[in-house]
Amino acid sequence: AAQIGTVLVANSTDKLGTVVVDGQG
């Protein structure tokens, strides 16, 4: 919601550790 454009977010998961997701998760 912060910006219109491409979003890359580090996300912690139980199965794979920290992976990258887009702005929609």
PDBML (XML) file of the C-alpha atoms, coordinates in Angstrom:
<?xml version="1.0" encoding="UTF-8" ?>
<PDBx:datablock datablockName="MODEL"
   xmlns:PDBx="http://pdbml.pdb.org/schema/pdbx-v50.xsd"
   xmlns:xsi="http://www.w3.org/2001/XMLSchema-instance"
   xsi:schemaLocation="http://pdbml.pdb.org/schema/pdbx-v50.xsd pdbx-v50.xsd">
   <PDBx:atom_siteCategory>
      <PDBx:atom_site id="1">
         <PDBx:B_iso_or_equiv>0.00</PDBx:B_iso_or_equiv>
         <PDBx:Cartn_x>0.000</PDBx:Cartn_x>
         <PDBx:Cartn_y>0.000</PDBx:Cartn_y>
         <PDBx:Cartn_z>0.000</PDBx:Cartn_z>
         <PDBx:auth_asym_id>A</PDBx:auth_asym_id>
         <PDBx:auth_atom_id>CA</PDBx:auth_atom_id>
         <PDBx:auth_comp_id>ALA</PDBx:auth_comp_id>
         <PDBx:auth_seq_id>1</PDBx:auth_seq_id>
         <PDBx:group_PDB>ATOM</PDBx:group_PDB>
         <PDBx:label_alt_id xsi:nil="true" />
         <PDBx:label_asym_id>A</PDBx:label_asym_id>
         <PDBx:label_atom_id>CA</PDBx:label_atom_id>
         <PDBx:label_comp_id>ALA</PDBx:label_comp_id>
         <PDBx:label_entity_id>1</PDBx:label_entity_id>
         <PDBx:label_seq_id>1</PDBx:label_seq_id>
         <PDBx:occupancy>1.00</PDBx:occupancy>
         <PDBx:pdbx_PDB_model_num>1</PDBx:pdbx_PDB_model_num>
         <PDBx:type_symbol>C</PDBx:type_symbol>
      </PDBx:atom_site>
      <PDBx:atom_site id="2">
         <PDBx:B_iso_or_equiv>0.00</PDBx:B_iso_or_equiv>
         <PDBx:Cartn_x>2.988</PDBx:Cartn_x>
         <PDBx:Cartn_y>2.304</PDBx:Cartn_y>
         <PDBx:Cartn_z>0.488</PDBx:Cartn_z>
         <PDBx:auth_asym_id>A</PDBx:auth_asym_id>
         <PDBx:auth_atom_id>CA</PDBx:auth_atom_id>
         <PDBx:auth_comp_id>ALA</PDBx:auth_comp_id>
         <PDBx:auth_seq_id>2</PDBx:auth_seq_id>
         <PDBx:group_PDB>ATOM</PDBx:group_PDB>
         <PDBx:label_alt_id xsi:nil="true" />
         <PDBx:label_asym_id>A</PDBx:label_asym_id>
         <PDBx:label_atom_id>CA</PDBx:label_atom_id>
         <PDBx:label_comp_id>ALA</PDBx:label_comp_id>
         <PDBx:label_entity_id>1</PDBx:label_entity_id>
         <PDBx:label_seq_id>2</PDBx:label_seq_id>
         <PDBx:occupancy>1.00</PDBx:occupancy>
         <PDBx:pdbx_PDB_model_num>1</PDBx:pdbx_PDB_model_num>
         <PDBx:type_symbol>C</PDBx:type_symbol>
      </PDBx:atom_site>
      <PDBx:atom_site id="3">
         <PDBx:B_iso_or_equiv>0.00</PDBx:B_iso_or_equiv>
         <PDBx:Cartn_x>3.843</PDBx:Cartn_x>
         <PDBx:Cartn_y>2.659</PDBx:Cartn_y>
         <PDBx:Cartn_z>-3.193</PDBx:Cartn_z>
         <PDBx:auth_asym_id>A</PDBx:auth_asym_id>
         <PDBx:auth_atom_id>CA</PDBx:auth_atom_id>
         <PDBx:auth_comp_id>GLN</PDBx:auth_comp_id>
         <PDBx:auth_seq_id>3</PDBx:auth_seq_id>
         <PDBx:group_PDB>ATOM</PDBx:group_PDB>
         <PDBx:label_alt_id xsi:nil="true" />
         <PDBx:label_asym_id>A</PDBx:label_asym_id>
         <PDBx:label_atom_id>CA</PDBx:label_atom_id>
         <PDBx:label_comp_id>GLN</PDBx:label_comp_id>
         <PDBx:label_entity_id>1</PDBx:label_entity_id>
         <PDBx:label_seq_id>3</PDBx:label_seq_id>
         <PDBx:occupancy>1.00</PDBx:occupancy>
         <PDBx:pdbx_PDB_model_num>1</PDBx:pdbx_PDB_model_num>
         <PDBx:type_symbol>C</PDBx:type_symbol>
      </PDBx:atom_site>
      <PDBx:atom_site id="4">
         <PDBx:B_iso_or_equiv>0.00</PDBx:B_iso_or_equiv>
         <PDBx:Cartn_x>2.488</PDBx:Cartn_x>
         <PDBx:Cartn_y>1.640</PDBx:Cartn_y>
         <PDBx:Cartn_z>-6.555</PDBx:Cartn_z>
         <PDBx:auth_asym_id>A</PDBx:auth_asym_id>
         <PDBx:auth_atom_id>CA</PDBx:auth_atom_id>
         <PDBx:auth_comp_id>ILE</PDBx:auth_comp_id>
         <PDBx:auth_seq_id>4</PDBx:auth_seq_id>
         <PDBx:group_PDB>ATOM</PDBx:group_PDB>
         <PDBx:label_alt_id xsi:nil="true" />
         <PDBx:label_asym_id>A</PDBx:label_asym_id>
         <PDBx:label_atom_id>CA</PDBx:label_atom_id>
         <PDBx:label_comp_id>ILE</PDBx:label_comp_id>
         <PDBx:label_entity_id>1</PDBx:label_entity_id>
         <PDBx:label_seq_id>4</PDBx:label_seq_id>
         <PDBx:occupancy>1.00</PDBx:occupancy>
         <PDBx:pdbx_PDB_model_num>1</PDBx:pdbx_PDB_model_num>
         <PDBx:type_symbol>C</PDBx:type_symbol>
      </PDBx:atom_site>
      <PDBx:atom_site id="5">
         <PDBx:B_iso_or_equiv>0.00</PDBx:B_iso_or_equiv>
         <PDBx:Cartn_x>5.203</PDBx:Cartn_x>
         <PDBx:Cartn_y>-0.427</PDBx:Cartn_y>
         <PDBx:Cartn_z>-8.199</PDBx:Cartn_z>
         <PDBx:auth_asym_id>A</PDBx:auth_asym_id>
         <PDBx:auth_atom_id>CA</PDBx:auth_atom_id>
         <PDBx:auth_comp_id>GLY</PDBx:auth_comp_id>
         <PDBx:auth_seq_id>5</PDBx:auth_seq_id>
         <PDBx:group_PDB>ATOM</PDBx:group_PDB>
         <PDBx:label_alt_id xsi:nil="true" />
         <PDBx:label_asym_id>A</PDBx:label_asym_id>
         <PDBx:label_atom_id>CA</PDBx:label_atom_id>
         <PDBx:label_comp_id>GLY</PDBx:label_comp_id>
         <PDBx:label_entity_id>1</PDBx:label_entity_id>
         <PDBx:label_seq_id>5</PDBx:label_seq_id>
         <PDBx:occupancy>1.00</PDBx:occupancy>
         <PDBx:pdbx_PDB_model_num>1</PDBx:pdbx_PDB_model_num>
         <PDBx:type_symbol>C</PDBx:type_symbol>
      </PDBx:atom_site>
      <PDBx:atom_site id="6">
         <PDBx:B_iso_or_equiv>0.00</PDBx:B_iso_or_equiv>
         <PDBx:Cartn_x>7.211</PDBx:Cartn_x>
         <PDBx:Cartn_y>-3.578</PDBx:Cartn_y>
         <PDBx:Cartn_z>-7.616</PDBx:Cartn_z>
         <PDBx:auth_asym_id>A</PDBx:auth_asym_id>
         <PDBx:auth_atom_id>CA</PDBx:auth_atom_id>
         <PDBx:auth_comp_id>THR</PDBx:auth_comp_id>
         <PDBx:auth_seq_id>6</PDBx:auth_seq_id>
         <PDBx:group_PDB>ATOM</PDBx:group_PDB>
         <PDBx:label_alt_id xsi:nil="true" />
         <PDBx:label_asym_id>A</PDBx:label_asym_id>
         <PDBx:label_atom_id>CA</PDBx:label_atom_id>
         <PDBx:label_comp_id>THR</PDBx:label_comp_id>
         <PDBx:label_entity_id>1</PDBx:label_entity_id>
         <PDBx:label_seq_id>6</PDBx:label_seq_id>
         <PDBx:occupancy>1.00</PDBx:occupancy>
         <PDBx:pdbx_PDB_model_num>1</PDBx:pdbx_PDB_model_num>
         <PDBx:type_symbol>C</PDBx:type_symbol>
      </PDBx:atom_site>
      <PDBx:atom_site id="7">
         <PDBx:B_iso_or_equiv>0.00</PDBx:B_iso_or_equiv>
         <PDBx:Cartn_x>7.599</PDBx:Cartn_x>
         <PDBx:Cartn_y>-4.755</PDBx:Cartn_y>
         <PDBx:Cartn_z>-4.027</PDBx:Cartn_z>
         <PDBx:auth_asym_id>A</PDBx:auth_asym_id>
         <PDBx:auth_atom_id>CA</PDBx:auth_atom_id>
         <PDBx:auth_comp_id>VAL</PDBx:auth_comp_id>
         <PDBx:auth_seq_id>7</PDBx:auth_seq_id>
         <PDBx:group_PDB>ATOM</PDBx:group_PDB>
         <PDBx:label_alt_id xsi:nil="true" />
         <PDBx:label_asym_id>A</PDBx:label_asym_id>
         <PDBx:label_atom_id>CA</PDBx:label_atom_id>
         <PDBx:label_comp_id>VAL</PDBx:label_comp_id>
         <PDBx:label_entity_id>1</PDBx:label_entity_id>
         <PDBx:label_seq_id>7</PDBx:label_seq_id>
         <PDBx:occupancy>1.00</PDBx:occupancy>
         <PDBx:pdbx_PDB_model_num>1</PDBx:pdbx_PDB_model_num>
         <PDBx:type_symbol>C</PDBx:type_symbol>
      </PDBx:atom_site>
      <PDBx:atom_site id="8">
         <PDBx:B_iso_or_equiv>0.00</PDBx:B_iso_or_equiv>
         <PDBx:Cartn_x>10.100</PDBx:Cartn_x>
         <PDBx:Cartn_y>-7.251</PDBx:Cartn_y>
         <PDBx:Cartn_z>-2.553</PDBx:Cartn_z>
         <PDBx:auth_asym_id>A</PDBx:auth_asym_id>
         <PDBx:auth_atom_id>CA</PDBx:auth_atom_id>
         <PDBx:auth_comp_id>LEU</PDBx:auth_comp_id>
         <PDBx:auth_seq_id>8</PDBx:auth_seq_id>
         <PDBx:group_PDB>ATOM</PDBx:group_PDB>
         <PDBx:label_alt_id xsi:nil="true" />
         <PDBx:label_asym_id>A</PDBx:label_asym_id>
         <PDBx:label_atom_id>CA</PDBx:label_atom_id>
         <PDBx:label_comp_id>LEU</PDBx:label_comp_id>
         <PDBx:label_entity_id>1</PDBx:label_entity_id>
         <PDBx:label_seq_id>8</PDBx:label_seq_id>
         <PDBx:occupancy>1.00</PDBx:occupancy>
         <PDBx:pdbx_PDB_model_num>1</PDBx:pdbx_PDB_model_num>
         <PDBx:type_symbol>C</PDBx:type_symbol>
      </PDBx:atom_site>
      <PDBx:atom_site id="9">
         <PDBx:B_iso_or_equiv>0.00</PDBx:B_iso_or_equiv>
         <PDBx:Cartn_x>9.624</PDBx:Cartn_x>
         <PDBx:Cartn_y>-8.283</PDBx:Cartn_y>
         <PDBx:Cartn_z>1.082</PDBx:Cartn_z>
         <PDBx:auth_asym_id>A</PDBx:auth_asym_id>
         <PDBx:auth_atom_id>CA</PDBx:auth_atom_id>
         <PDBx:auth_comp_id>VAL</PDBx:auth_comp_id>
         <PDBx:auth_seq_id>9</PDBx:auth_seq_id>
         <PDBx:group_PDB>ATOM</PDBx:group_PDB>
         <PDBx:label_alt_id xsi:nil="true" />
         <PDBx:label_asym_id>A</PDBx:label_asym_id>
         <PDBx:label_atom_id>CA</PDBx:label_atom_id>
         <PDBx:label_comp_id>VAL</PDBx:label_comp_id>
         <PDBx:label_entity_id>1</PDBx:label_entity_id>
         <PDBx:label_seq_id>9</PDBx:label_seq_id>
         <PDBx:occupancy>1.00</PDBx:occupancy>
         <PDBx:pdbx_PDB_model_num>1</PDBx:pdbx_PDB_model_num>
         <PDBx:type_symbol>C</PDBx:type_symbol>
      </PDBx:atom_site>
      <PDBx:atom_site id="10">
         <PDBx:B_iso_or_equiv>0.00</PDBx:B_iso_or_equiv>
         <PDBx:Cartn_x>11.599</PDBx:Cartn_x>
         <PDBx:Cartn_y>-10.747</PDBx:Cartn_y>
         <PDBx:Cartn_z>3.220</PDBx:Cartn_z>
         <PDBx:auth_asym_id>A</PDBx:auth_asym_id>
         <PDBx:auth_atom_id>CA</PDBx:auth_atom_id>
         <PDBx:auth_comp_id>ALA</PDBx:auth_comp_id>
         <PDBx:auth_seq_id>10</PDBx:auth_seq_id>
         <PDBx:group_PDB>ATOM</PDBx:group_PDB>
         <PDBx:label_alt_id xsi:nil="true" />
         <PDBx:label_asym_id>A</PDBx:label_asym_id>
         <PDBx:label_atom_id>CA</PDBx:label_atom_id>
         <PDBx:label_comp_id>ALA</PDBx:label_comp_id>
         <PDBx:label_entity_id>1</PDBx:label_entity_id>
         <PDBx:label_seq_id>10</PDBx:label_seq_id>
         <PDBx:occupancy>1.00</PDBx:occupancy>
         <PDBx:pdbx_PDB_model_num>1</PDBx:pdbx_PDB_model_num>
         <PDBx:type_symbol>C</PDBx:type_symbol>
      </PDBx:atom_site>
      <PDBx:atom_site id="11">
         <PDBx:B_iso_or_equiv>0.00</PDBx:B_iso_or_equiv>
         <PDBx:Cartn_x>9.143</PDBx:Cartn_x>
         <PDBx:Cartn_y>-13.159</PDBx:Cartn_y>
         <PDBx:Cartn_z>4.827</PDBx:Cartn_z>
         <PDBx:auth_asym_id>A</PDBx:auth_asym_id>
         <PDBx:auth_atom_id>CA</PDBx:auth_atom_id>
         <PDBx:auth_comp_id>ASN</PDBx:auth_comp_id>
         <PDBx:auth_seq_id>11</PDBx:auth_seq_id>
         <PDBx:group_PDB>ATOM</PDBx:group_PDB>
         <PDBx:label_alt_id xsi:nil="true" />
         <PDBx:label_asym_id>A</PDBx:label_asym_id>
         <PDBx:label_atom_id>CA</PDBx:label_atom_id>
         <PDBx:label_comp_id>ASN</PDBx:label_comp_id>
         <PDBx:label_entity_id>1</PDBx:label_entity_id>
         <PDBx:label_seq_id>11</PDBx:label_seq_id>
         <PDBx:occupancy>1.00</PDBx:occupancy>
         <PDBx:pdbx_PDB_model_num>1</PDBx:pdbx_PDB_model_num>
         <PDBx:type_symbol>C</PDBx:type_symbol>
      </PDBx:atom_site>
      <PDBx:atom_site id="12">
         <PDBx:B_iso_or_equiv>0.00</PDBx:B_iso_or_equiv>
         <PDBx:Cartn_x>9.834</PDBx:Cartn_x>
         <PDBx:Cartn_y>-15.772</PDBx:Cartn_y>
         <PDBx:Cartn_z>7.510</PDBx:Cartn_z>
         <PDBx:auth_asym_id>A</PDBx:auth_asym_id>
         <PDBx:auth_atom_id>CA</PDBx:auth_atom_id>
         <PDBx:auth_comp_id>SER</PDBx:auth_comp_id>
         <PDBx:auth_seq_id>12</PDBx:auth_seq_id>
         <PDBx:group_PDB>ATOM</PDBx:group_PDB>
         <PDBx:label_alt_id xsi:nil="true" />
         <PDBx:label_asym_id>A</PDBx:label_asym_id>
         <PDBx:label_atom_id>CA</PDBx:label_atom_id>
         <PDBx:label_comp_id>SER</PDBx:label_comp_id>
         <PDBx:label_entity_id>1</PDBx:label_entity_id>
         <PDBx:label_seq_id>12</PDBx:label_seq_id>
         <PDBx:occupancy>1.00</PDBx:occupancy>
         <PDBx:pdbx_PDB_model_num>1</PDBx:pdbx_PDB_model_num>
         <PDBx:type_symbol>C</PDBx:type_symbol>
      </PDBx:atom_site>
      <PDBx:atom_site id="13">
         <PDBx:B_iso_or_equiv>0.00</PDBx:B_iso_or_equiv>
         <PDBx:Cartn_x>8.283</PDBx:Cartn_x>
         <PDBx:Cartn_y>-19.212</PDBx:Cartn_y>
         <PDBx:Cartn_z>6.927</PDBx:Cartn_z>
         <PDBx:auth_asym_id>A</PDBx:auth_asym_id>
         <PDBx:auth_atom_id>CA</PDBx:auth_atom_id>
         <PDBx:auth_comp_id>THR</PDBx:auth_comp_id>
         <PDBx:auth_seq_id>13</PDBx:auth_seq_id>
         <PDBx:group_PDB>ATOM</PDBx:group_PDB>
         <PDBx:label_alt_id xsi:nil="true" />
         <PDBx:label_asym_id>A</PDBx:label_asym_id>
         <PDBx:label_atom_id>CA</PDBx:label_atom_id>
         <PDBx:label_comp_id>THR</PDBx:label_comp_id>
         <PDBx:label_entity_id>1</PDBx:label_entity_id>
         <PDBx:label_seq_id>13</PDBx:label_seq_id>
         <PDBx:occupancy>1.00</PDBx:occupancy>
         <PDBx:pdbx_PDB_model_num>1</PDBx:pdbx_PDB_model_num>
         <PDBx:type_symbol>C</PDBx:type_symbol>
      </PDBx:atom_site>
      <PDBx:atom_site id="14">
         <PDBx:B_iso_or_equiv>0.00</PDBx:B_iso_or_equiv>
         <PDBx:Cartn_x>8.134</PDBx:Cartn_x>
         <PDBx:Cartn_y>-22.342</PDBx:Cartn_y>
         <PDBx:Cartn_z>9.075</PDBx:Cartn_z>
         <PDBx:auth_asym_id>A</PDBx:auth_asym_id>
         <PDBx:auth_atom_id>CA</PDBx:auth_atom_id>
         <PDBx:auth_comp_id>ASP</PDBx:auth_comp_id>
         <PDBx:auth_seq_id>14</PDBx:auth_seq_id>
         <PDBx:group_PDB>ATOM</PDBx:group_PDB>
         <PDBx:label_alt_id xsi:nil="true" />
         <PDBx:label_asym_id>A</PDBx:label_asym_id>
         <PDBx:label_atom_id>CA</PDBx:label_atom_id>
         <PDBx:label_comp_id>ASP</PDBx:label_comp_id>
         <PDBx:label_entity_id>1</PDBx:label_entity_id>
         <PDBx:label_seq_id>14</PDBx:label_seq_id>
         <PDBx:occupancy>1.00</PDBx:occupancy>
         <PDBx:pdbx_PDB_model_num>1</PDBx:pdbx_PDB_model_num>
         <PDBx:type_symbol>C</PDBx:type_symbol>
      </PDBx:atom_site>
      <PDBx:atom_site id="15">
         <PDBx:B_iso_or_equiv>0.00</PDBx:B_iso_or_equiv>
         <PDBx:Cartn_x>9.145</PDBx:Cartn_x>
         <PDBx:Cartn_y>-24.680</PDBx:Cartn_y>
         <PDBx:Cartn_z>6.241</PDBx:Cartn_z>
         <PDBx:auth_asym_id>A</PDBx:auth_asym_id>
         <PDBx:auth_atom_id>CA</PDBx:auth_atom_id>
         <PDBx:auth_comp_id>LYS</PDBx:auth_comp_id>
         <PDBx:auth_seq_id>15</PDBx:auth_seq_id>
         <PDBx:group_PDB>ATOM</PDBx:group_PDB>
         <PDBx:label_alt_id xsi:nil="true" />
         <PDBx:label_asym_id>A</PDBx:label_asym_id>
         <PDBx:label_atom_id>CA</PDBx:label_atom_id>
         <PDBx:label_comp_id>LYS</PDBx:label_comp_id>
         <PDBx:label_entity_id>1</PDBx:label_entity_id>
         <PDBx:label_seq_id>15</PDBx:label_seq_id>
         <PDBx:occupancy>1.00</PDBx:occupancy>
         <PDBx:pdbx_PDB_model_num>1</PDBx:pdbx_PDB_model_num>
         <PDBx:type_symbol>C</PDBx:type_symbol>
      </PDBx:atom_site>
      <PDBx:atom_site id="16">
         <PDBx:B_iso_or_equiv>0.00</PDBx:B_iso_or_equiv>
         <PDBx:Cartn_x>11.776</PDBx:Cartn_x>
         <PDBx:Cartn_y>-22.729</PDBx:Cartn_y>
         <PDBx:Cartn_z>4.327</PDBx:Cartn_z>
         <PDBx:auth_asym_id>A</PDBx:auth_asym_id>
         <PDBx:auth_atom_id>CA</PDBx:auth_atom_id>
         <PDBx:auth_comp_id>LEU</PDBx:auth_comp_id>
         <PDBx:auth_seq_id>16</PDBx:auth_seq_id>
         <PDBx:group_PDB>ATOM</PDBx:group_PDB>
         <PDBx:label_alt_id xsi:nil="true" />
         <PDBx:label_asym_id>A</PDBx:label_asym_id>
         <PDBx:label_atom_id>CA</PDBx:label_atom_id>
         <PDBx:label_comp_id>LEU</PDBx:label_comp_id>
         <PDBx:label_entity_id>1</PDBx:label_entity_id>
         <PDBx:label_seq_id>16</PDBx:label_seq_id>
         <PDBx:occupancy>1.00</PDBx:occupancy>
         <PDBx:pdbx_PDB_model_num>1</PDBx:pdbx_PDB_model_num>
         <PDBx:type_symbol>C</PDBx:type_symbol>
      </PDBx:atom_site>
      <PDBx:atom_site id="17">
         <PDBx:B_iso_or_equiv>0.00</PDBx:B_iso_or_equiv>
         <PDBx:Cartn_x>13.140</PDBx:Cartn_x>
         <PDBx:Cartn_y>-20.062</PDBx:Cartn_y>
         <PDBx:Cartn_z>6.638</PDBx:Cartn_z>
         <PDBx:auth_asym_id>A</PDBx:auth_asym_id>
         <PDBx:auth_atom_id>CA</PDBx:auth_atom_id>
         <PDBx:auth_comp_id>GLY</PDBx:auth_comp_id>
         <PDBx:auth_seq_id>17</PDBx:auth_seq_id>
         <PDBx:group_PDB>ATOM</PDBx:group_PDB>
         <PDBx:label_alt_id xsi:nil="true" />
         <PDBx:label_asym_id>A</PDBx:label_asym_id>
         <PDBx:label_atom_id>CA</PDBx:label_atom_id>
         <PDBx:label_comp_id>GLY</PDBx:label_comp_id>
         <PDBx:label_entity_id>1</PDBx:label_entity_id>
         <PDBx:label_seq_id>17</PDBx:label_seq_id>
         <PDBx:occupancy>1.00</PDBx:occupancy>
         <PDBx:pdbx_PDB_model_num>1</PDBx:pdbx_PDB_model_num>
         <PDBx:type_symbol>C</PDBx:type_symbol>
      </PDBx:atom_site>
      <PDBx:atom_site id="18">
         <PDBx:B_iso_or_equiv>0.00</PDBx:B_iso_or_equiv>
         <PDBx:Cartn_x>13.304</PDBx:Cartn_x>
         <PDBx:Cartn_y>-16.531</PDBx:Cartn_y>
         <PDBx:Cartn_z>5.230</PDBx:Cartn_z>
         <PDBx:auth_asym_id>A</PDBx:auth_asym_id>
         <PDBx:auth_atom_id>CA</PDBx:auth_atom_id>
         <PDBx:auth_comp_id>THR</PDBx:auth_comp_id>
         <PDBx:auth_seq_id>18</PDBx:auth_seq_id>
         <PDBx:group_PDB>ATOM</PDBx:group_PDB>
         <PDBx:label_alt_id xsi:nil="true" />
         <PDBx:label_asym_id>A</PDBx:label_asym_id>
         <PDBx:label_atom_id>CA</PDBx:label_atom_id>
         <PDBx:label_comp_id>THR</PDBx:label_comp_id>
         <PDBx:label_entity_id>1</PDBx:label_entity_id>
         <PDBx:label_seq_id>18</PDBx:label_seq_id>
         <PDBx:occupancy>1.00</PDBx:occupancy>
         <PDBx:pdbx_PDB_model_num>1</PDBx:pdbx_PDB_model_num>
         <PDBx:type_symbol>C</PDBx:type_symbol>
      </PDBx:atom_site>
      <PDBx:atom_site id="19">
         <PDBx:B_iso_or_equiv>0.00</PDBx:B_iso_or_equiv>
         <PDBx:Cartn_x>12.232</PDBx:Cartn_x>
         <PDBx:Cartn_y>-16.167</PDBx:Cartn_y>
         <PDBx:Cartn_z>1.605</PDBx:Cartn_z>
         <PDBx:auth_asym_id>A</PDBx:auth_asym_id>
         <PDBx:auth_atom_id>CA</PDBx:auth_atom_id>
         <PDBx:auth_comp_id>VAL</PDBx:auth_comp_id>
         <PDBx:auth_seq_id>19</PDBx:auth_seq_id>
         <PDBx:group_PDB>ATOM</PDBx:group_PDB>
         <PDBx:label_alt_id xsi:nil="true" />
         <PDBx:label_asym_id>A</PDBx:label_asym_id>
         <PDBx:label_atom_id>CA</PDBx:label_atom_id>
         <PDBx:label_comp_id>VAL</PDBx:label_comp_id>
         <PDBx:label_entity_id>1</PDBx:label_entity_id>
         <PDBx:label_seq_id>19</PDBx:label_seq_id>
         <PDBx:occupancy>1.00</PDBx:occupancy>
         <PDBx:pdbx_PDB_model_num>1</PDBx:pdbx_PDB_model_num>
         <PDBx:type_symbol>C</PDBx:type_symbol>
      </PDBx:atom_site>
      <PDBx:atom_site id="20">
         <PDBx:B_iso_or_equiv>0.00</PDBx:B_iso_or_equiv>
         <PDBx:Cartn_x>11.250</PDBx:Cartn_x>
         <PDBx:Cartn_y>-13.221</PDBx:Cartn_y>
         <PDBx:Cartn_z>-0.574</PDBx:Cartn_z>
         <PDBx:auth_asym_id>A</PDBx:auth_asym_id>
         <PDBx:auth_atom_id>CA</PDBx:auth_atom_id>
         <PDBx:auth_comp_id>VAL</PDBx:auth_comp_id>
         <PDBx:auth_seq_id>20</PDBx:auth_seq_id>
         <PDBx:group_PDB>ATOM</PDBx:group_PDB>
         <PDBx:label_alt_id xsi:nil="true" />
         <PDBx:label_asym_id>A</PDBx:label_asym_id>
         <PDBx:label_atom_id>CA</PDBx:label_atom_id>
         <PDBx:label_comp_id>VAL</PDBx:label_comp_id>
         <PDBx:label_entity_id>1</PDBx:label_entity_id>
         <PDBx:label_seq_id>20</PDBx:label_seq_id>
         <PDBx:occupancy>1.00</PDBx:occupancy>
         <PDBx:pdbx_PDB_model_num>1</PDBx:pdbx_PDB_model_num>
         <PDBx:type_symbol>C</PDBx:type_symbol>
      </PDBx:atom_site>
      <PDBx:atom_site id="21">
         <PDBx:B_iso_or_equiv>0.00</PDBx:B_iso_or_equiv>
         <PDBx:Cartn_x>7.632</PDBx:Cartn_x>
         <PDBx:Cartn_y>-12.460</PDBx:Cartn_y>
         <PDBx:Cartn_z>-1.424</PDBx:Cartn_z>
         <PDBx:auth_asym_id>A</PDBx:auth_asym_id>
         <PDBx:auth_atom_id>CA</PDBx:auth_atom_id>
         <PDBx:auth_comp_id>VAL</PDBx:auth_comp_id>
         <PDBx:auth_seq_id>21</PDBx:auth_seq_id>
         <PDBx:group_PDB>ATOM</PDBx:group_PDB>
         <PDBx:label_alt_id xsi:nil="true" />
         <PDBx:label_asym_id>A</PDBx:label_asym_id>
         <PDBx:label_atom_id>CA</PDBx:label_atom_id>
         <PDBx:label_comp_id>VAL</PDBx:label_comp_id>
         <PDBx:label_entity_id>1</PDBx:label_entity_id>
         <PDBx:label_seq_id>21</PDBx:label_seq_id>
         <PDBx:occupancy>1.00</PDBx:occupancy>
         <PDBx:pdbx_PDB_model_num>1</PDBx:pdbx_PDB_model_num>
         <PDBx:type_symbol>C</PDBx:type_symbol>
      </PDBx:atom_site>
      <PDBx:atom_site id="22">
         <PDBx:B_iso_or_equiv>0.00</PDBx:B_iso_or_equiv>
         <PDBx:Cartn_x>5.997</PDBx:Cartn_x>
         <PDBx:Cartn_y>-9.780</PDBx:Cartn_y>
         <PDBx:Cartn_z>-3.549</PDBx:Cartn_z>
         <PDBx:auth_asym_id>A</PDBx:auth_asym_id>
         <PDBx:auth_atom_id>CA</PDBx:auth_atom_id>
         <PDBx:auth_comp_id>ASP</PDBx:auth_comp_id>
         <PDBx:auth_seq_id>22</PDBx:auth_seq_id>
         <PDBx:group_PDB>ATOM</PDBx:group_PDB>
         <PDBx:label_alt_id xsi:nil="true" />
         <PDBx:label_asym_id>A</PDBx:label_asym_id>
         <PDBx:label_atom_id>CA</PDBx:label_atom_id>
         <PDBx:label_comp_id>ASP</PDBx:label_comp_id>
         <PDBx:label_entity_id>1</PDBx:label_entity_id>
         <PDBx:label_seq_id>22</PDBx:label_seq_id>
         <PDBx:occupancy>1.00</PDBx:occupancy>
         <PDBx:pdbx_PDB_model_num>1</PDBx:pdbx_PDB_model_num>
         <PDBx:type_symbol>C</PDBx:type_symbol>
      </PDBx:atom_site>
      <PDBx:atom_site id="23">
         <PDBx:B_iso_or_equiv>0.00</PDBx:B_iso_or_equiv>
         <PDBx:Cartn_x>3.674</PDBx:Cartn_x>
         <PDBx:Cartn_y>-7.034</PDBx:Cartn_y>
         <PDBx:Cartn_z>-2.357</PDBx:Cartn_z>
         <PDBx:auth_asym_id>A</PDBx:auth_asym_id>
         <PDBx:auth_atom_id>CA</PDBx:auth_atom_id>
         <PDBx:auth_comp_id>GLY</PDBx:auth_comp_id>
         <PDBx:auth_seq_id>23</PDBx:auth_seq_id>
         <PDBx:group_PDB>ATOM</PDBx:group_PDB>
         <PDBx:label_alt_id xsi:nil="true" />
         <PDBx:label_asym_id>A</PDBx:label_asym_id>
         <PDBx:label_atom_id>CA</PDBx:label_atom_id>
         <PDBx:label_comp_id>GLY</PDBx:label_comp_id>
         <PDBx:label_entity_id>1</PDBx:label_entity_id>
         <PDBx:label_seq_id>23</PDBx:label_seq_id>
         <PDBx:occupancy>1.00</PDBx:occupancy>
         <PDBx:pdbx_PDB_model_num>1</PDBx:pdbx_PDB_model_num>
         <PDBx:type_symbol>C</PDBx:type_symbol>
      </PDBx:atom_site>
      <PDBx:atom_site id="24">
         <PDBx:B_iso_or_equiv>0.00</PDBx:B_iso_or_equiv>
         <PDBx:Cartn_x>0.711</PDBx:Cartn_x>
         <PDBx:Cartn_y>-9.426</PDBx:Cartn_y>
         <PDBx:Cartn_z>-2.212</PDBx:Cartn_z>
         <PDBx:auth_asym_id>A</PDBx:auth_asym_id>
         <PDBx:auth_atom_id>CA</PDBx:auth_atom_id>
         <PDBx:auth_comp_id>GLN</PDBx:auth_comp_id>
         <PDBx:auth_seq_id>24</PDBx:auth_seq_id>
         <PDBx:group_PDB>ATOM</PDBx:group_PDB>
         <PDBx:label_alt_id xsi:nil="true" />
         <PDBx:label_asym_id>A</PDBx:label_asym_id>
         <PDBx:label_atom_id>CA</PDBx:label_atom_id>
         <PDBx:label_comp_id>GLN</PDBx:label_comp_id>
         <PDBx:label_entity_id>1</PDBx:label_entity_id>
         <PDBx:label_seq_id>24</PDBx:label_seq_id>
         <PDBx:occupancy>1.00</PDBx:occupancy>
         <PDBx:pdbx_PDB_model_num>1</PDBx:pdbx_PDB_model_num>
         <PDBx:type_symbol>C</PDBx:type_symbol>
      </PDBx:atom_site>
      <PDBx:atom_site id="25">
         <PDBx:B_iso_or_equiv>0.00</PDBx:B_iso_or_equiv>
         <PDBx:Cartn_x>2.648</PDBx:Cartn_x>
         <PDBx:Cartn_y>-11.996</PDBx:Cartn_y>
         <PDBx:Cartn_z>-0.200</PDBx:Cartn_z>
         <PDBx:auth_asym_id>A</PDBx:auth_asym_id>
         <PDBx:auth_atom_id>CA</PDBx:auth_atom_id>
         <PDBx:auth_comp_id>GLY</PDBx:auth_comp_id>
         <PDBx:auth_seq_id>25</PDBx:auth_seq_id>
         <PDBx:group_PDB>ATOM</PDBx:group_PDB>
         <PDBx:label_alt_id xsi:nil="true" />
         <PDBx:label_asym_id>A</PDBx:label_asym_id>
         <PDBx:label_atom_id>CA</PDBx:label_atom_id>
         <PDBx:label_comp_id>GLY</PDBx:label_comp_id>
         <PDBx:label_entity_id>1</PDBx:label_entity_id>
         <PDBx:label_seq_id>25</PDBx:label_seq_id>
         <PDBx:occupancy>1.00</PDBx:occupancy>
         <PDBx:pdbx_PDB_model_num>1</PDBx:pdbx_PDB_model_num>
         <PDBx:type_symbol>C</PDBx:type_symbol>
      </PDBx:atom_site>
   </PDBx:atom_siteCategory>
</PDBx:datablock>
